[in-house]
Amino acid sequence: MKNKLNVSIKSPCSENYNNFSPTKAGGFCNSCEKEVIDFTNMKPEAIINYFKLKSTQNTCGRFNSAQLNSFNHIPKTNKRRNLIGGLGLAILSFFSFTATQAQDTKTDTTDTNSEVKDIHQEKNISVKGTVLDENGLPLPGTNIILKDTAIGTQTNFDGEFEFPEKLKKGDVLIFSFIGYSSRTIVINNETASPTIEMEVNMDTFACVVMGKVAVKKVYKSKKNK
């Protein structure tokens, strides 16, 4: 069944958007004699709803490069938690927690047992969180890789991720996304709290793309339950 829209710019436009006559939805291009819709401040849900209308299929648009993705259709009945919203601008929030293990040992322990226990505690940090762009919007498809390994994951449509392996203090995660400078996060659990909160600012480059918008419906077959 259909569950995605793929939005792309097949033929980028070289016109200067700043020279366009302002319109309610963007600017008017005298060269094309057509309105160019400014999508740069739209959320994914608004972009999806816009291109669901047949009358908007032949559209010229202006996007941040980070917005050109396959957008999931938002289901009418959604049992998942709501999309994140209203978070601070220019912040990536990475919410992490430390998985703890219950221990009911009542017997005396030796120095050797204490060392083994410390090693296990050092390697039980679970990391999960949300990646946001400079406008506070989710960044689906962000790559998160453990430095010097091939171990990693990607953020989902909501910009959320959960790293597939437990980490230890000193491990380095590398966050990368097209159009953004890569960011590195060092795992550091200095406190006794089982929760680690990290905030990282993402810097953009190669920001805006403009041209005729190509919208393609992506099909996904139903899975047998």
C-alpha atoms as a PDB file:
ATOM      1  CA  MET A   1       0.000   0.000   0.000  1.00  0.00           C
ATOM      2  CA  LYS A   2       1.104   3.631  -0.514  1.00  0.00           C
ATOM      3  CA  ASN A   3       2.767   5.111   2.526  1.00  0.00           C
ATOM      4  CA  LYS A   4       5.381   7.581   1.296  1.00  0.00           C
ATOM      5  CA  LEU A   5       5.921  10.593  -0.915  1.00  0.00           C
ATOM      6  CA  ASN A   6       9.353  11.075  -2.444  1.00  0.00           C
ATOM      7  CA  VAL A   7      10.063  14.792  -2.933  1.00  0.00           C
ATOM      8  CA  SER A   8      13.031  15.913  -5.046  1.00  0.00           C
ATOM      9  CA  ILE A   9      14.294  18.712  -7.317  1.00  0.00           C
ATOM     10  CA  LYS A  10      15.165  17.143 -10.685  1.00  0.00           C
ATOM     11  CA  SER A  11      16.238  20.379 -12.401  1.00  0.00           C
ATOM     12  CA  PRO A  12      17.518  23.008  -9.936  1.00  0.00           C
ATOM     13  CA  CYS A  13      16.745  26.616 -10.861  1.00  0.00           C
ATOM     14  CA  SER A  14      19.551  29.193 -11.054  1.00  0.00           C
ATOM     15  CA  GLU A  15      17.300  32.238 -10.582  1.00  0.00           C
ATOM     16  CA  ASN A  16      17.872  34.458  -7.528  1.00  0.00           C
ATOM     17  CA  TYR A  17      14.948  33.978  -5.158  1.00  0.00           C
ATOM     18  CA  ASN A  18      15.730  37.290  -3.439  1.00  0.00           C
ATOM     19  CA  ASN A  19      14.826  39.103  -6.668  1.00  0.00           C
ATOM     20  CA  PHE A  20      11.364  37.517  -6.867  1.00  0.00           C
ATOM     21  CA  SER A  21       8.238  39.562  -6.172  1.00  0.00           C
ATOM     22  CA  PRO A  22       6.894  38.394  -2.784  1.00  0.00           C
ATOM     23  CA  THR A  23       3.684  36.359  -2.783  1.00  0.00           C
ATOM     24  CA  LYS A  24       1.610  34.891   0.016  1.00  0.00           C
ATOM     25  CA  ALA A  25       3.222  31.448  -0.372  1.00  0.00           C
ATOM     26  CA  GLY A  26       6.687  32.431  -1.615  1.00  0.00           C
ATOM     27  CA  GLY A  27       7.791  34.512  -4.602  1.00  0.00           C
ATOM     28  CA  PHE A  28       6.917  35.077  -8.274  1.00  0.00           C
ATOM     29  CA  CYS A  29       9.544  34.152 -10.881  1.00  0.00           C
ATOM     30  CA  ASN A  30       9.309  36.454 -13.918  1.00  0.00           C
ATOM     31  CA  SER A  31      11.510  34.105 -15.972  1.00  0.00           C
ATOM     32  CA  CYS A  32       9.118  31.159 -15.559  1.00  0.00           C
ATOM     33  CA  GLU A  33       6.059  33.376 -15.042  1.00  0.00           C
ATOM     34  CA  LYS A  34       5.196  31.173 -12.117  1.00  0.00           C
ATOM     35  CA  GLU A  35       4.919  31.290  -8.335  1.00  0.00           C
ATOM     36  CA  VAL A  36       7.691  29.519  -6.419  1.00  0.00           C
ATOM     37  CA  ILE A  37       6.439  28.046  -3.137  1.00  0.00           C
ATOM     38  CA  ASP A  38       8.756  28.534  -0.153  1.00  0.00           C
ATOM     39  CA  PHE A  39       8.794  25.217   1.754  1.00  0.00           C
ATOM     40  CA  THR A  40      11.876  26.022   3.856  1.00  0.00           C
ATOM     41  CA  ASN A  41       9.884  26.710   7.030  1.00  0.00           C
ATOM     42  CA  MET A  42       7.255  24.005   6.540  1.00  0.00           C
ATOM     43  CA  LYS A  43       7.076  20.923   8.735  1.00  0.00           C
ATOM     44  CA  PRO A  44       7.009  17.461   7.074  1.00  0.00           C
ATOM     45  CA  GLU A  45       3.268  17.073   7.765  1.00  0.00           C
ATOM     46  CA  ALA A  46       2.508  20.345   5.959  1.00  0.00           C
ATOM     47  CA  ILE A  47       4.616  19.326   2.937  1.00  0.00           C
ATOM     48  CA  ILE A  48       2.840  15.956   2.759  1.00  0.00           C
ATOM     49  CA  ASN A  49      -0.601  17.567   2.941  1.00  0.00           C
ATOM     50  CA  TYR A  50       0.348  20.121   0.280  1.00  0.00           C
ATOM     51  CA  PHE A  51       1.330  17.513  -2.309  1.00  0.00           C
ATOM     52  CA  LYS A  52      -1.687  15.303  -1.632  1.00  0.00           C
ATOM     53  CA  LEU A  53      -3.740  17.770  -3.687  1.00  0.00           C
ATOM     54  CA  LYS A  54      -3.812  17.037  -7.435  1.00  0.00           C
ATOM     55  CA  SER A  55      -3.785  20.759  -8.241  1.00  0.00           C
ATOM     56  CA  THR A  56      -0.360  21.142  -6.591  1.00  0.00           C
ATOM     57  CA  GLN A  57       1.500  18.392  -8.456  1.00  0.00           C
ATOM     58  CA  ASN A  58       2.995  20.816 -11.022  1.00  0.00           C
ATOM     59  CA  THR A  59       4.842  22.994  -8.503  1.00  0.00           C
ATOM     60  CA  CYS A  60       8.051  24.993  -8.355  1.00  0.00           C
ATOM     61  CA  GLY A  61       9.442  25.020  -4.853  1.00  0.00           C
ATOM     62  CA  ARG A  62      12.251  26.174  -2.612  1.00  0.00           C
ATOM     63  CA  PHE A  63      13.584  23.715  -0.010  1.00  0.00           C
ATOM     64  CA  ASN A  64      16.381  23.319   2.469  1.00  0.00           C
ATOM     65  CA  SER A  65      18.474  20.413   1.186  1.00  0.00           C
ATOM     66  CA  ALA A  66      17.686  18.527   4.402  1.00  0.00           C
ATOM     67  CA  GLN A  67      13.976  18.540   3.524  1.00  0.00           C
ATOM     68  CA  LEU A  68      14.334  16.511   0.313  1.00  0.00           C
ATOM     69  CA  ASN A  69      13.406  13.083   1.612  1.00  0.00           C
ATOM     70  CA  SER A  70      10.826  10.357   1.374  1.00  0.00           C
ATOM     71  CA  PHE A  71       8.061  11.553   3.662  1.00  0.00           C
ATOM     72  CA  ASN A  72       5.867   9.041   5.453  1.00  0.00           C
ATOM     73  CA  HIS A  73       2.141   9.578   5.164  1.00  0.00           C
ATOM     74  CA  ILE A  74       0.697  10.489   8.539  1.00  0.00           C
ATOM     75  CA  PRO A  75      -1.967   7.866   9.396  1.00  0.00           C
ATOM     76  CA  LYS A  76      -5.364   9.151  10.524  1.00  0.00           C
ATOM     77  CA  THR A  77      -5.309   6.861  13.532  1.00  0.00           C
ATOM     78  CA  ASN A  78      -1.897   6.844  15.111  1.00  0.00           C
ATOM     79  CA  LYS A  79      -1.254   4.756  18.190  1.00  0.00           C
ATOM     80  CA  ARG A  80       2.329   5.926  18.386  1.00  0.00           C
ATOM     81  CA  ARG A  81       3.298   8.910  20.465  1.00  0.00           C
ATOM     82  CA  ASN A  82       2.794  12.323  18.868  1.00  0.00           C
ATOM     83  CA  LEU A  83       5.474  13.951  16.760  1.00  0.00           C
ATOM     84  CA  ILE A  84       7.845  16.115  18.758  1.00  0.00           C
ATOM     85  CA  GLY A  85       7.145  19.804  18.515  1.00  0.00           C
ATOM     86  CA  GLY A  86       7.907  23.117  20.109  1.00  0.00           C
ATOM     87  CA  LEU A  87      11.461  22.199  21.050  1.00  0.00           C
ATOM     88  CA  GLY A  88      14.220  24.812  21.188  1.00  0.00           C
ATOM     89  CA  LEU A  89      15.666  26.186  17.939  1.00  0.00           C
ATOM     90  CA  ALA A  90      19.109  25.178  16.709  1.00  0.00           C
ATOM     91  CA  ILE A  91      19.307  22.243  19.145  1.00  0.00           C
ATOM     92  CA  LEU A  92      19.709  18.530  18.725  1.00  0.00           C
ATOM     93  CA  SER A  93      18.541  16.765  21.862  1.00  0.00           C
ATOM     94  CA  PHE A  94      19.955  13.385  22.514  1.00  0.00           C
ATOM     95  CA  PHE A  95      18.247  11.675  25.453  1.00  0.00           C
ATOM     96  CA  SER A  96      20.221   8.780  26.822  1.00  0.00           C
ATOM     97  CA  PHE A  97      19.783   6.468  29.694  1.00  0.00           C
ATOM     98  CA  THR A  98      21.935   3.947  31.526  1.00  0.00           C
ATOM     99  CA  ALA A  99      20.470   0.454  31.728  1.00  0.00           C
ATOM    100  CA  THR A 100      20.805  -0.872  35.265  1.00  0.00           C
ATOM    101  CA  GLN A 101      20.821  -4.453  36.452  1.00  0.00           C
ATOM    102  CA  ALA A 102      19.245  -5.666  39.670  1.00  0.00           C
ATOM    103  CA  GLN A 103      21.672  -7.388  41.975  1.00  0.00           C
ATOM    104  CA  ASP A 104      20.593  -9.219  45.131  1.00  0.00           C
ATOM    105  CA  THR A 105      23.979 -10.586  46.159  1.00  0.00           C
ATOM    106  CA  LYS A 106      24.245 -10.685  49.945  1.00  0.00           C
ATOM    107  CA  THR A 107      27.558 -12.510  50.218  1.00  0.00           C
ATOM    108  CA  ASP A 108      30.885 -10.780  50.798  1.00  0.00           C
ATOM    109  CA  THR A 109      32.743  -9.895  47.587  1.00  0.00           C
ATOM    110  CA  THR A 110      36.467  -9.942  46.895  1.00  0.00           C
ATOM    111  CA  ASP A 111      38.509  -7.237  45.145  1.00  0.00           C
ATOM    112  CA  THR A 112      38.453  -9.342  41.964  1.00  0.00           C
ATOM    113  CA  ASN A 113      34.657  -9.490  41.959  1.00  0.00           C
ATOM    114  CA  SER A 114      34.501  -5.718  42.440  1.00  0.00           C
ATOM    115  CA  GLU A 115      36.703  -5.162  39.386  1.00  0.00           C
ATOM    116  CA  VAL A 116      34.482  -7.407  37.244  1.00  0.00           C
ATOM    117  CA  LYS A 117      31.399  -5.564  38.493  1.00  0.00           C
ATOM    118  CA  ASP A 118      32.920  -2.189  37.554  1.00  0.00           C
ATOM    119  CA  ILE A 119      33.707  -3.421  34.036  1.00  0.00           C
ATOM    120  CA  HIS A 120      30.107  -4.518  33.513  1.00  0.00           C
ATOM    121  CA  GLN A 121      28.788  -1.170  34.733  1.00  0.00           C
ATOM    122  CA  GLU A 122      31.151   0.670  32.382  1.00  0.00           C
ATOM    123  CA  LYS A 123      29.722  -1.043  29.286  1.00  0.00           C
ATOM    124  CA  ASN A 124      25.991  -0.824  29.961  1.00  0.00           C
ATOM    125  CA  ILE A 125      25.164   2.660  28.646  1.00  0.00           C
ATOM    126  CA  SER A 126      22.187   2.614  26.277  1.00  0.00           C
ATOM    127  CA  VAL A 127      21.818   5.672  24.064  1.00  0.00           C
ATOM    128  CA  LYS A 128      18.658   6.894  22.390  1.00  0.00           C
ATOM    129  CA  GLY A 129      17.325  10.298  21.454  1.00  0.00           C
ATOM    130  CA  THR A 130      16.067  12.685  18.814  1.00  0.00           C
ATOM    131  CA  VAL A 131      17.951  14.590  16.121  1.00  0.00           C
ATOM    132  CA  LEU A 132      16.604  18.015  15.145  1.00  0.00           C
ATOM    133  CA  ASP A 133      17.617  20.549  12.525  1.00  0.00           C
ATOM    134  CA  GLU A 134      18.279  24.259  13.016  1.00  0.00           C
ATOM    135  CA  ASN A 135      14.518  24.942  12.949  1.00  0.00           C
ATOM    136  CA  GLY A 136      13.719  22.386  15.627  1.00  0.00           C
ATOM    137  CA  LEU A 137      12.329  19.899  13.083  1.00  0.00           C
ATOM    138  CA  PRO A 138      13.133  16.160  13.041  1.00  0.00           C
ATOM    139  CA  LEU A 139      15.963  15.005  10.767  1.00  0.00           C
ATOM    140  CA  PRO A 140      14.925  11.582   9.425  1.00  0.00           C
ATOM    141  CA  GLY A 141      17.727   9.530   7.903  1.00  0.00           C
ATOM    142  CA  THR A 142      20.538  10.973  10.025  1.00  0.00           C
ATOM    143  CA  ASN A 143      23.413   8.474  10.265  1.00  0.00           C
ATOM    144  CA  ILE A 144      24.790   7.648  13.722  1.00  0.00           C
ATOM    145  CA  ILE A 145      28.016   5.612  13.679  1.00  0.00           C
ATOM    146  CA  LEU A 146      30.308   4.420  16.482  1.00  0.00           C
ATOM    147  CA  LYS A 147      33.734   5.843  15.611  1.00  0.00           C
ATOM    148  CA  ASP A 148      36.260   3.400  14.085  1.00  0.00           C
ATOM    149  CA  THR A 149      33.558   0.738  13.608  1.00  0.00           C
ATOM    150  CA  ALA A 150      30.810  -0.134  11.139  1.00  0.00           C
ATOM    151  CA  ILE A 151      28.226  -0.227  13.934  1.00  0.00           C
ATOM    152  CA  GLY A 152      25.479   2.315  13.552  1.00  0.00           C
ATOM    153  CA  THR A 153      21.867   3.230  12.935  1.00  0.00           C
ATOM    154  CA  GLN A 154      19.669   5.917  11.368  1.00  0.00           C
ATOM    155  CA  THR A 155      16.978   8.187  12.732  1.00  0.00           C
ATOM    156  CA  ASN A 156      13.395   7.307  11.836  1.00  0.00           C
ATOM    157  CA  PHE A 157      10.762   9.623  10.336  1.00  0.00           C
ATOM    158  CA  ASP A 158      10.339  11.353  13.696  1.00  0.00           C
ATOM    159  CA  GLY A 159      14.084  11.983  13.957  1.00  0.00           C
ATOM    160  CA  GLU A 160      14.343   9.361  16.705  1.00  0.00           C
ATOM    161  CA  PHE A 161      17.049   6.752  17.147  1.00  0.00           C
ATOM    162  CA  GLU A 162      18.188   4.041  19.530  1.00  0.00           C
ATOM    163  CA  PHE A 163      21.779   2.881  19.197  1.00  0.00           C
ATOM    164  CA  PRO A 164      21.858  -0.903  18.580  1.00  0.00           C
ATOM    165  CA  GLU A 165      24.653  -1.688  21.055  1.00  0.00           C
ATOM    166  CA  LYS A 166      25.446  -0.654  24.592  1.00  0.00           C
ATOM    167  CA  LEU A 167      28.328   1.782  24.910  1.00  0.00           C
ATOM    168  CA  LYS A 168      30.958   2.636  27.486  1.00  0.00           C
ATOM    169  CA  LYS A 169      32.427   5.867  28.762  1.00  0.00           C
ATOM    170  CA  GLY A 170      34.767   7.371  26.160  1.00  0.00           C
ATOM    171  CA  ASP A 171      33.026   5.910  23.099  1.00  0.00           C
ATOM    172  CA  VAL A 172      32.445   8.437  20.302  1.00  0.00           C
ATOM    173  CA  LEU A 173      29.297   8.672  18.172  1.00  0.00           C
ATOM    174  CA  ILE A 174      29.433  10.464  14.813  1.00  0.00           C
ATOM    175  CA  PHE A 175      26.235  12.117  13.527  1.00  0.00           C
ATOM    176  CA  SER A 176      26.074  12.978   9.818  1.00  0.00           C
ATOM    177  CA  PHE A 177      23.437  14.216   7.395  1.00  0.00           C
ATOM    178  CA  ILE A 178      23.633  15.618   3.856  1.00  0.00           C
ATOM    179  CA  GLY A 179      23.814  19.400   3.995  1.00  0.00           C
ATOM    180  CA  TYR A 180      25.100  19.475   7.581  1.00  0.00           C
ATOM    181  CA  SER A 181      28.519  19.397   9.176  1.00  0.00           C
ATOM    182  CA  SER A 182      29.192  16.110  10.969  1.00  0.00           C
ATOM    183  CA  ARG A 183      29.006  16.213  14.758  1.00  0.00           C
ATOM    184  CA  THR A 184      30.746  14.002  17.300  1.00  0.00           C
ATOM    185  CA  ILE A 185      29.472  13.115  20.760  1.00  0.00           C
ATOM    186  CA  VAL A 186      31.680  11.554  23.429  1.00  0.00           C
ATOM    187  CA  ILE A 187      29.851   9.250  25.823  1.00  0.00           C
ATOM    188  CA  ASN A 188      30.560  10.551  29.315  1.00  0.00           C
ATOM    189  CA  ASN A 189      28.660   9.323  32.356  1.00  0.00           C
ATOM    190  CA  GLU A 190      30.197  11.317  35.207  1.00  0.00           C
ATOM    191  CA  THR A 191      27.119  11.302  37.449  1.00  0.00           C
ATOM    192  CA  ALA A 192      25.336   8.491  39.234  1.00  0.00           C
ATOM    193  CA  SER A 193      22.131   9.291  37.348  1.00  0.00           C
ATOM    194  CA  PRO A 194      20.953   6.563  34.940  1.00  0.00           C
ATOM    195  CA  THR A 195      19.962   9.249  32.404  1.00  0.00           C
ATOM    196  CA  ILE A 196      22.357  11.243  30.232  1.00  0.00           C
ATOM    197  CA  GLU A 197      21.110  14.316  28.342  1.00  0.00           C
ATOM    198  CA  MET A 198      23.143  15.780  25.491  1.00  0.00           C
ATOM    199  CA  GLU A 199      22.500  18.916  23.441  1.00  0.00           C
ATOM    200  CA  VAL A 200      24.352  19.539  20.173  1.00  0.00           C
ATOM    201  CA  ASN A 201      24.041  22.375  17.651  1.00  0.00           C
ATOM    202  CA  MET A 202      24.104  21.297  13.997  1.00  0.00           C
ATOM    203  CA  ASP A 203      25.711  23.667  11.484  1.00  0.00           C
ATOM    204  CA  THR A 204      24.265  23.707   7.972  1.00  0.00           C
ATOM    205  CA  PHE A 205      25.962  24.220   4.651  1.00  0.00           C
ATOM    206  CA  ALA A 206      24.668  23.925   1.072  1.00  0.00           C
ATOM    207  CA  CYS A 207      21.355  25.166   2.358  1.00  0.00           C
ATOM    208  CA  VAL A 208      18.705  25.973  -0.255  1.00  0.00           C
ATOM    209  CA  VAL A 209      17.622  24.138  -3.436  1.00  0.00           C
ATOM    210  CA  MET A 210      15.018  25.570  -5.824  1.00  0.00           C
ATOM    211  CA  GLY A 211      13.320  24.291  -8.973  1.00  0.00           C
ATOM    212  CA  LYS A 212      10.454  22.202 -10.326  1.00  0.00           C
ATOM    213  CA  VAL A 213       9.370  19.689  -7.718  1.00  0.00           C
ATOM    214  CA  ALA A 214       9.148  15.993  -8.593  1.00  0.00           C
ATOM    215  CA  VAL A 215       6.717  14.107  -6.374  1.00  0.00           C
ATOM    216  CA  LYS A 216       6.584  10.326  -6.572  1.00  0.00           C
ATOM    217  CA  LYS A 217       4.429   7.972  -4.559  1.00  0.00           C
ATOM    218  CA  VAL A 218       6.435   5.139  -3.054  1.00  0.00           C
ATOM    219  CA  TYR A 219       4.642   1.839  -2.649  1.00  0.00           C
ATOM    220  CA  LYS A 220       5.173  -0.668   0.111  1.00  0.00           C
ATOM    221  CA  SER A 221       3.642  -4.122   0.010  1.00  0.00           C
ATOM    222  CA  LYS A 222       1.528  -5.306   2.899  1.00  0.00           C
ATOM    223  CA  LYS A 223       3.189  -7.766   5.231  1.00  0.00           C
ATOM    224  CA  ASN A 224       1.344 -10.886   6.165  1.00  0.00           C
ATOM    225  CA  LYS A 225       0.461 -10.918   9.823  1.00  0.00           C
END
